[in-house]
C-alpha cells in the first residue's frame, strides 16, 4: 500500500480515515496501526465497496468459506484492531446492500473501495491487545490480558 499519511487525520479519540477508489480497506487499517503504533482500537465506517469478500466460518472444517460481492453500498463496517505475531490483526464485519436493496453481511476477508469513498472512524484504546488462535476452533480470539 502506498503512503497512507494523506488518508487520515488524528482526532481527540483516535483517527478519521477516508479511503478512495481501489484502496484496500484491510491493508489501510493495518498500515495505520503500524504507522501510528496503535495499541488496539475499535472502528466503524460507511461507504461504497467495489469488491467485498465475506467469509462464513465453517466450524467443522475450521476454515472460512469465501463469497465475493461487487459494487455494493456498505451500510455498516465495524471491527477491531489488535496484534498477532508482531503484526496488526484486523477483525472486520460489514453489512452491504446491492441495487436490489438486499443485504449481505458477515466477516470481511478482503474489501476494496468502489467508485465513491469510505469513511472510517478509529477509536484508539490505550492497552495493547493481542489475538491468539484458540486451538479447539482454530480461530483468532481477542485476548483481554
N, C-alpha and C. Protein backbone atom coordinates (compact mmCIF):
# COMPACT_ATOMS: atom_id res chain seq x y z
N UNK A 1 0.86 -1.18 0.00
CA UNK A 1 0.00 0.00 0.00
C UNK A 1 0.89 1.23 0.00
N UNK A 2 0.48 2.25 -0.77
CA UNK A 2 1.25 3.49 -0.81
C UNK A 2 1.16 4.18 0.54
N UNK A 3 1.89 5.27 0.69
CA UNK A 3 1.87 6.04 1.93
C UNK A 3 0.44 6.49 2.22
N UNK A 4 -0.03 6.18 3.42
CA UNK A 4 -1.42 6.49 3.77
C UNK A 4 -1.57 7.80 4.54
N UNK A 5 -0.47 8.54 4.73
CA UNK A 5 -0.49 9.75 5.54
C UNK A 5 -1.59 10.72 5.12
N UNK A 6 -1.84 10.86 3.84
CA UNK A 6 -2.86 11.80 3.36
C UNK A 6 -4.28 11.24 3.48
N UNK A 7 -4.43 10.02 3.95
CA UNK A 7 -5.74 9.38 4.00
C UNK A 7 -6.38 9.40 5.39
N UNK A 8 -5.72 10.04 6.37
CA UNK A 8 -6.31 10.09 7.71
C UNK A 8 -5.85 11.34 8.45
N UNK A 9 -6.64 11.69 9.46
CA UNK A 9 -6.27 12.76 10.38
C UNK A 9 -6.45 12.24 11.80
N UNK A 10 -5.75 12.85 12.73
CA UNK A 10 -5.91 12.49 14.13
C UNK A 10 -7.11 13.25 14.70
N UNK A 11 -7.84 12.59 15.58
CA UNK A 11 -8.98 13.19 16.27
C UNK A 11 -8.74 13.06 17.78
N UNK A 12 -9.57 13.69 18.61
CA UNK A 12 -9.37 13.55 20.06
C UNK A 12 -9.45 12.11 20.58
N UNK A 13 -10.15 11.24 19.86
CA UNK A 13 -10.32 9.86 20.32
C UNK A 13 -9.60 8.83 19.46
N UNK A 14 -8.92 9.27 18.42
CA UNK A 14 -8.24 8.33 17.53
C UNK A 14 -7.95 8.95 16.18
N UNK A 15 -8.65 8.44 15.14
CA UNK A 15 -8.38 8.87 13.78
C UNK A 15 -9.65 8.84 12.93
N UNK A 16 -9.66 9.64 11.88
CA UNK A 16 -10.67 9.57 10.84
C UNK A 16 -9.94 9.28 9.54
N UNK A 17 -10.31 8.19 8.89
CA UNK A 17 -9.67 7.76 7.65
C UNK A 17 -10.68 7.85 6.51
N UNK A 18 -10.26 8.42 5.39
CA UNK A 18 -11.09 8.46 4.19
C UNK A 18 -10.33 7.75 3.07
N UNK A 19 -10.88 6.63 2.64
CA UNK A 19 -10.28 5.84 1.57
C UNK A 19 -11.04 6.10 0.28
N UNK A 20 -10.36 5.96 -0.84
CA UNK A 20 -10.98 6.21 -2.13
C UNK A 20 -10.80 5.03 -3.08
N UNK A 21 -11.33 5.18 -4.27
CA UNK A 21 -11.38 4.15 -5.30
C UNK A 21 -10.14 3.26 -5.32
N UNK A 22 -10.37 1.96 -5.21
CA UNK A 22 -9.36 0.90 -5.30
C UNK A 22 -8.52 0.72 -4.03
N UNK A 23 -8.70 1.55 -3.01
CA UNK A 23 -7.95 1.34 -1.77
C UNK A 23 -8.39 0.04 -1.11
N UNK A 24 -7.44 -0.69 -0.57
CA UNK A 24 -7.70 -1.93 0.14
C UNK A 24 -7.96 -1.58 1.61
N UNK A 25 -9.15 -1.83 2.10
CA UNK A 25 -9.57 -1.41 3.44
C UNK A 25 -8.75 -2.09 4.53
N UNK A 26 -8.59 -3.40 4.46
CA UNK A 26 -7.86 -4.13 5.49
C UNK A 26 -6.39 -3.70 5.50
N UNK A 27 -5.79 -3.55 4.32
CA UNK A 27 -4.39 -3.12 4.23
C UNK A 27 -4.22 -1.71 4.78
N UNK A 28 -5.17 -0.82 4.52
CA UNK A 28 -5.08 0.56 5.02
C UNK A 28 -5.19 0.60 6.54
N UNK A 29 -6.09 -0.18 7.11
CA UNK A 29 -6.22 -0.23 8.57
C UNK A 29 -4.95 -0.81 9.20
N UNK A 30 -4.38 -1.82 8.58
CA UNK A 30 -3.13 -2.41 9.06
C UNK A 30 -1.98 -1.40 8.99
N UNK A 31 -1.90 -0.69 7.87
CA UNK A 31 -0.84 0.31 7.69
C UNK A 31 -0.97 1.43 8.73
N UNK A 32 -2.19 1.86 9.00
CA UNK A 32 -2.42 2.89 10.02
C UNK A 32 -1.98 2.39 11.39
N UNK A 33 -2.35 1.16 11.73
CA UNK A 33 -1.99 0.59 13.03
C UNK A 33 -0.47 0.55 13.20
N UNK A 34 0.25 0.19 12.14
CA UNK A 34 1.71 0.13 12.21
C UNK A 34 2.32 1.53 12.28
N UNK A 35 1.87 2.41 11.40
CA UNK A 35 2.44 3.77 11.33
C UNK A 35 2.25 4.54 12.62
N UNK A 36 1.06 4.42 13.22
CA UNK A 36 0.74 5.18 14.44
C UNK A 36 0.95 4.36 15.71
N UNK A 37 1.45 3.14 15.57
CA UNK A 37 1.68 2.25 16.71
C UNK A 37 0.45 2.19 17.62
N UNK A 38 -0.69 1.88 17.00
CA UNK A 38 -1.96 1.82 17.73
C UNK A 38 -1.96 0.56 18.60
N UNK A 39 -2.11 0.70 19.93
CA UNK A 39 -2.09 -0.49 20.80
C UNK A 39 -3.26 -1.43 20.52
N UNK A 40 -4.44 -0.86 20.32
CA UNK A 40 -5.65 -1.58 19.94
C UNK A 40 -6.70 -0.52 19.63
N UNK A 41 -7.75 -0.91 18.95
CA UNK A 41 -8.77 0.07 18.57
C UNK A 41 -10.05 -0.63 18.15
N UNK A 42 -11.11 0.15 18.13
CA UNK A 42 -12.39 -0.25 17.57
C UNK A 42 -12.65 0.69 16.40
N UNK A 43 -13.24 0.18 15.32
CA UNK A 43 -13.52 1.07 14.19
C UNK A 43 -14.92 0.82 13.65
N UNK A 44 -15.44 1.85 12.97
CA UNK A 44 -16.73 1.74 12.29
C UNK A 44 -16.69 2.67 11.08
N UNK A 45 -17.50 2.34 10.05
CA UNK A 45 -17.47 3.14 8.85
C UNK A 45 -18.64 2.89 7.93
N UNK A 46 -18.69 3.74 6.90
CA UNK A 46 -19.69 3.64 5.84
C UNK A 46 -19.01 3.94 4.51
N UNK A 47 -19.65 3.58 3.41
CA UNK A 47 -19.08 3.91 2.12
C UNK A 47 -19.52 2.98 1.02
N UNK A 48 -18.71 2.91 -0.03
CA UNK A 48 -19.03 2.12 -1.21
C UNK A 48 -17.92 1.10 -1.44
N UNK A 49 -18.28 -0.17 -1.51
CA UNK A 49 -17.27 -1.20 -1.77
C UNK A 49 -17.36 -1.65 -3.22
N UNK A 50 -16.22 -1.60 -3.89
CA UNK A 50 -16.15 -2.10 -5.25
C UNK A 50 -16.12 -3.62 -5.26
N UNK A 51 -15.50 -4.17 -4.21
CA UNK A 51 -15.41 -5.61 -4.07
C UNK A 51 -15.27 -5.93 -2.59
N UNK A 52 -16.08 -6.85 -2.12
CA UNK A 52 -16.00 -7.29 -0.73
C UNK A 52 -16.09 -8.81 -0.69
N UNK A 53 -15.10 -9.43 -0.09
CA UNK A 53 -15.12 -10.87 0.08
C UNK A 53 -15.45 -11.17 1.54
N UNK A 54 -16.62 -11.76 1.73
CA UNK A 54 -17.07 -12.17 3.05
C UNK A 54 -16.62 -13.60 3.28
N UNK A 55 -16.48 -13.97 4.54
CA UNK A 55 -16.13 -15.35 4.87
C UNK A 55 -17.05 -15.86 5.97
N UNK A 56 -17.69 -16.98 5.71
CA UNK A 56 -18.51 -17.62 6.73
C UNK A 56 -17.68 -18.76 7.30
N UNK A 57 -17.49 -18.77 8.62
CA UNK A 57 -16.61 -19.75 9.25
C UNK A 57 -17.30 -21.10 9.38
N UNK A 58 -16.70 -22.09 8.75
CA UNK A 58 -17.18 -23.47 8.82
C UNK A 58 -16.50 -24.14 10.01
N UNK A 59 -17.25 -24.32 11.11
CA UNK A 59 -16.67 -24.87 12.33
C UNK A 59 -16.26 -26.34 12.19
N UNK A 60 -16.87 -27.06 11.28
CA UNK A 60 -16.48 -28.46 11.06
C UNK A 60 -15.11 -28.55 10.40
N UNK A 61 -14.91 -27.76 9.34
CA UNK A 61 -13.65 -27.80 8.60
C UNK A 61 -12.62 -26.79 9.11
N UNK A 62 -13.05 -25.87 10.00
CA UNK A 62 -12.17 -24.86 10.60
C UNK A 62 -11.55 -23.93 9.56
N UNK A 63 -12.37 -23.51 8.57
CA UNK A 63 -11.93 -22.58 7.53
C UNK A 63 -13.07 -21.62 7.20
N UNK A 64 -12.69 -20.46 6.64
CA UNK A 64 -13.68 -19.53 6.13
C UNK A 64 -14.09 -19.94 4.73
N UNK A 65 -15.38 -19.95 4.46
CA UNK A 65 -15.89 -20.20 3.11
C UNK A 65 -16.15 -18.82 2.49
N UNK A 66 -15.38 -18.43 1.47
CA UNK A 66 -15.48 -17.07 0.93
C UNK A 66 -16.57 -16.90 -0.11
N UNK A 67 -17.11 -15.68 -0.17
CA UNK A 67 -18.04 -15.30 -1.23
C UNK A 67 -17.82 -13.81 -1.50
N UNK A 68 -17.61 -13.46 -2.76
CA UNK A 68 -17.29 -12.08 -3.15
C UNK A 68 -18.50 -11.40 -3.80
N UNK A 69 -18.70 -10.15 -3.41
CA UNK A 69 -19.76 -9.30 -3.97
C UNK A 69 -19.12 -8.06 -4.55
N UNK A 70 -19.69 -7.58 -5.66
CA UNK A 70 -19.14 -6.40 -6.35
C UNK A 70 -20.12 -5.23 -6.27
N UNK A 71 -19.54 -4.03 -6.27
CA UNK A 71 -20.30 -2.78 -6.36
C UNK A 71 -21.49 -2.73 -5.42
N UNK A 72 -21.19 -2.61 -4.15
CA UNK A 72 -22.25 -2.58 -3.14
C UNK A 72 -22.06 -1.38 -2.22
N UNK A 73 -23.18 -0.89 -1.72
CA UNK A 73 -23.16 0.16 -0.71
C UNK A 73 -22.88 -0.48 0.64
N UNK A 74 -21.86 0.02 1.32
CA UNK A 74 -21.54 -0.53 2.63
C UNK A 74 -22.35 0.24 3.67
N UNK A 75 -23.39 -0.39 4.17
CA UNK A 75 -24.26 0.26 5.14
C UNK A 75 -23.61 0.34 6.51
N UNK A 76 -22.71 -0.60 6.81
CA UNK A 76 -22.07 -0.61 8.11
C UNK A 76 -20.80 -1.46 8.05
N UNK A 77 -19.73 -0.90 8.56
CA UNK A 77 -18.47 -1.62 8.73
C UNK A 77 -18.08 -1.44 10.19
N UNK A 78 -17.71 -2.51 10.86
CA UNK A 78 -17.22 -2.36 12.23
C UNK A 78 -16.24 -3.48 12.54
N UNK A 79 -15.40 -3.22 13.52
CA UNK A 79 -14.43 -4.23 13.88
C UNK A 79 -13.42 -3.72 14.88
N UNK A 80 -12.31 -4.47 14.97
CA UNK A 80 -11.29 -4.13 15.95
C UNK A 80 -9.89 -4.33 15.36
N UNK A 81 -8.96 -3.62 15.97
CA UNK A 81 -7.54 -3.73 15.63
C UNK A 81 -6.83 -4.26 16.87
N UNK A 82 -6.08 -5.32 16.70
CA UNK A 82 -5.25 -5.88 17.77
C UNK A 82 -3.94 -6.31 17.10
N UNK A 83 -3.15 -7.11 17.80
CA UNK A 83 -1.85 -7.55 17.28
C UNK A 83 -1.74 -9.06 17.38
N UNK A 84 -1.02 -9.63 16.44
CA UNK A 84 -0.76 -11.08 16.44
C UNK A 84 0.59 -11.32 15.78
N UNK A 85 1.48 -11.97 16.48
CA UNK A 85 2.81 -12.26 15.96
C UNK A 85 3.53 -11.00 15.47
N UNK A 86 3.38 -9.90 16.21
CA UNK A 86 4.07 -8.66 15.88
C UNK A 86 3.49 -7.86 14.74
N UNK A 87 2.33 -8.27 14.23
CA UNK A 87 1.69 -7.55 13.11
C UNK A 87 0.25 -7.21 13.48
N UNK A 88 -0.30 -6.14 12.86
CA UNK A 88 -1.70 -5.81 13.13
C UNK A 88 -2.62 -6.96 12.72
N UNK A 89 -3.64 -7.17 13.53
CA UNK A 89 -4.66 -8.19 13.25
C UNK A 89 -6.00 -7.46 13.19
N UNK A 90 -6.56 -7.39 11.99
CA UNK A 90 -7.81 -6.67 11.76
C UNK A 90 -8.96 -7.67 11.74
N UNK A 91 -9.96 -7.43 12.58
CA UNK A 91 -11.17 -8.26 12.59
C UNK A 91 -12.32 -7.35 12.18
N UNK A 92 -12.87 -7.59 11.00
CA UNK A 92 -13.90 -6.70 10.45
C UNK A 92 -15.14 -7.46 10.02
N UNK A 93 -16.28 -6.83 10.25
CA UNK A 93 -17.57 -7.32 9.78
C UNK A 93 -18.26 -6.17 9.06
N UNK A 94 -19.15 -6.49 8.13
CA UNK A 94 -19.85 -5.45 7.39
C UNK A 94 -21.23 -5.95 6.96
N UNK A 95 -22.08 -4.98 6.67
CA UNK A 95 -23.36 -5.24 6.03
C UNK A 95 -23.39 -4.39 4.77
N UNK A 96 -23.53 -5.04 3.62
CA UNK A 96 -23.55 -4.37 2.32
C UNK A 96 -24.88 -4.61 1.63
N UNK A 97 -25.30 -3.63 0.83
CA UNK A 97 -26.52 -3.78 0.05
C UNK A 97 -26.25 -3.49 -1.42
N UNK A 98 -26.94 -4.21 -2.28
CA UNK A 98 -26.82 -4.00 -3.71
C UNK A 98 -27.96 -3.15 -4.24
N UNK A 99 -28.02 -3.02 -5.55
CA UNK A 99 -29.06 -2.23 -6.20
C UNK A 99 -30.46 -2.78 -5.98
N UNK A 100 -30.54 -4.03 -5.59
CA UNK A 100 -31.84 -4.64 -5.30
C UNK A 100 -32.25 -4.41 -3.84
N UNK A 101 -31.38 -3.73 -3.07
CA UNK A 101 -31.60 -3.40 -1.66
C UNK A 101 -31.58 -4.62 -0.74
N UNK A 102 -31.18 -5.77 -1.27
CA UNK A 102 -30.98 -6.94 -0.41
C UNK A 102 -29.63 -6.80 0.26
N UNK A 103 -29.57 -7.17 1.52
CA UNK A 103 -28.34 -7.02 2.29
C UNK A 103 -27.62 -8.36 2.43
N UNK A 104 -26.30 -8.28 2.46
CA UNK A 104 -25.45 -9.41 2.81
C UNK A 104 -24.49 -8.91 3.88
N UNK A 105 -24.03 -9.81 4.71
CA UNK A 105 -23.13 -9.35 5.75
C UNK A 105 -22.38 -10.48 6.39
N UNK A 106 -21.41 -10.10 7.19
CA UNK A 106 -20.62 -11.06 7.93
C UNK A 106 -19.18 -10.64 8.01
N UNK A 107 -18.32 -11.63 8.23
CA UNK A 107 -16.88 -11.42 8.40
C UNK A 107 -16.26 -10.98 7.07
N UNK A 108 -15.42 -9.95 7.11
CA UNK A 108 -14.75 -9.46 5.91
C UNK A 108 -13.36 -10.08 5.80
N UNK A 109 -13.10 -10.75 4.68
CA UNK A 109 -11.77 -11.26 4.39
C UNK A 109 -10.96 -10.23 3.61
N UNK A 110 -11.59 -9.58 2.65
CA UNK A 110 -10.96 -8.54 1.83
C UNK A 110 -12.03 -7.54 1.42
N UNK A 111 -11.63 -6.26 1.29
CA UNK A 111 -12.58 -5.25 0.81
C UNK A 111 -11.81 -4.14 0.11
N UNK A 112 -12.31 -3.78 -1.07
CA UNK A 112 -11.73 -2.70 -1.86
C UNK A 112 -12.79 -1.62 -2.04
N UNK A 113 -12.36 -0.36 -1.92
CA UNK A 113 -13.29 0.76 -2.08
C UNK A 113 -13.71 0.87 -3.54
N UNK A 114 -14.99 1.18 -3.73
CA UNK A 114 -15.53 1.35 -5.09
C UNK A 114 -15.32 2.75 -5.61
N UNK A 115 -16.21 3.18 -6.51
CA UNK A 115 -16.04 4.47 -7.18
C UNK A 115 -16.32 5.68 -6.29
N UNK A 116 -16.83 5.45 -5.12
CA UNK A 116 -17.04 6.55 -4.17
C UNK A 116 -15.90 6.58 -3.17
N UNK A 117 -16.25 6.66 -1.91
CA UNK A 117 -15.25 6.68 -0.86
C UNK A 117 -15.73 5.85 0.32
N UNK A 118 -14.86 5.70 1.30
CA UNK A 118 -15.21 5.01 2.53
C UNK A 118 -14.66 5.84 3.68
N UNK A 119 -15.54 6.14 4.64
CA UNK A 119 -15.15 6.93 5.81
C UNK A 119 -15.12 6.00 7.02
N UNK A 120 -13.97 5.94 7.68
CA UNK A 120 -13.79 5.02 8.81
C UNK A 120 -13.29 5.81 10.02
N UNK A 121 -14.02 5.68 11.12
CA UNK A 121 -13.61 6.28 12.39
C UNK A 121 -12.94 5.21 13.23
N UNK A 122 -11.74 5.51 13.70
CA UNK A 122 -10.96 4.57 14.50
C UNK A 122 -10.87 5.12 15.92
N UNK A 123 -11.40 4.39 16.90
CA UNK A 123 -11.33 4.78 18.30
C UNK A 123 -10.16 4.05 18.94
N UNK A 124 -9.14 4.80 19.28
CA UNK A 124 -7.90 4.23 19.82
C UNK A 124 -8.07 3.86 21.29
N UNK A 125 -7.58 2.66 21.65
CA UNK A 125 -7.57 2.22 23.04
C UNK A 125 -6.15 2.34 23.59
N UNK A 126 -6.02 2.39 24.90
CA UNK A 126 -4.70 2.59 25.49
C UNK A 126 -3.94 1.28 25.72
N UNK A 127 -4.65 0.19 25.87
CA UNK A 127 -4.00 -1.09 26.17
C UNK A 127 -3.70 -1.86 24.88
N UNK A 128 -2.50 -2.41 24.80
CA UNK A 128 -2.15 -3.24 23.65
C UNK A 128 -2.82 -4.60 23.82
N UNK A 129 -3.62 -4.98 22.83
CA UNK A 129 -4.33 -6.26 22.87
C UNK A 129 -3.79 -7.18 21.78
N UNK A 130 -3.79 -8.47 22.08
CA UNK A 130 -3.30 -9.49 21.16
C UNK A 130 -4.43 -10.44 20.80
N UNK A 131 -4.28 -11.07 19.64
CA UNK A 131 -5.16 -12.17 19.25
C UNK A 131 -4.33 -13.44 19.28
N UNK A 132 -4.98 -14.52 19.72
CA UNK A 132 -4.32 -15.83 19.72
C UNK A 132 -5.28 -16.85 19.15
N UNK A 133 -4.70 -17.85 18.51
CA UNK A 133 -5.51 -18.94 17.96
C UNK A 133 -6.04 -19.80 19.12
N UNK A 134 -7.34 -19.98 19.15
CA UNK A 134 -7.97 -20.90 20.10
C UNK A 134 -7.87 -22.29 19.47
N UNK A 135 -7.07 -23.17 20.04
CA UNK A 135 -6.81 -24.47 19.40
C UNK A 135 -8.06 -25.29 19.09
N UNK A 136 -9.06 -25.25 19.95
CA UNK A 136 -10.22 -26.12 19.73
C UNK A 136 -11.04 -25.71 18.51
N UNK A 137 -11.02 -24.43 18.16
CA UNK A 137 -11.81 -23.98 16.99
C UNK A 137 -10.93 -23.43 15.87
N UNK A 138 -9.63 -23.33 16.12
CA UNK A 138 -8.67 -22.80 15.15
C UNK A 138 -9.09 -21.43 14.63
N UNK A 139 -9.56 -20.59 15.53
CA UNK A 139 -9.96 -19.23 15.18
C UNK A 139 -9.25 -18.24 16.10
N UNK A 140 -9.01 -17.04 15.57
CA UNK A 140 -8.37 -15.98 16.35
C UNK A 140 -9.34 -15.44 17.38
N UNK A 141 -8.87 -15.34 18.63
CA UNK A 141 -9.70 -14.81 19.72
C UNK A 141 -8.95 -13.64 20.35
N UNK A 142 -9.64 -12.54 20.54
CA UNK A 142 -9.07 -11.35 21.19
C UNK A 142 -8.81 -11.66 22.66
N UNK A 143 -7.58 -11.39 23.10
CA UNK A 143 -7.20 -11.64 24.49
C UNK A 143 -7.28 -10.33 25.26
N UNK A 144 -7.88 -10.34 26.43
CA UNK A 144 -8.00 -9.13 27.24
C UNK A 144 -6.88 -9.00 28.28
N UNK A 145 -6.07 -10.02 28.43
CA UNK A 145 -4.95 -9.96 29.40
C UNK A 145 -3.64 -9.79 28.66
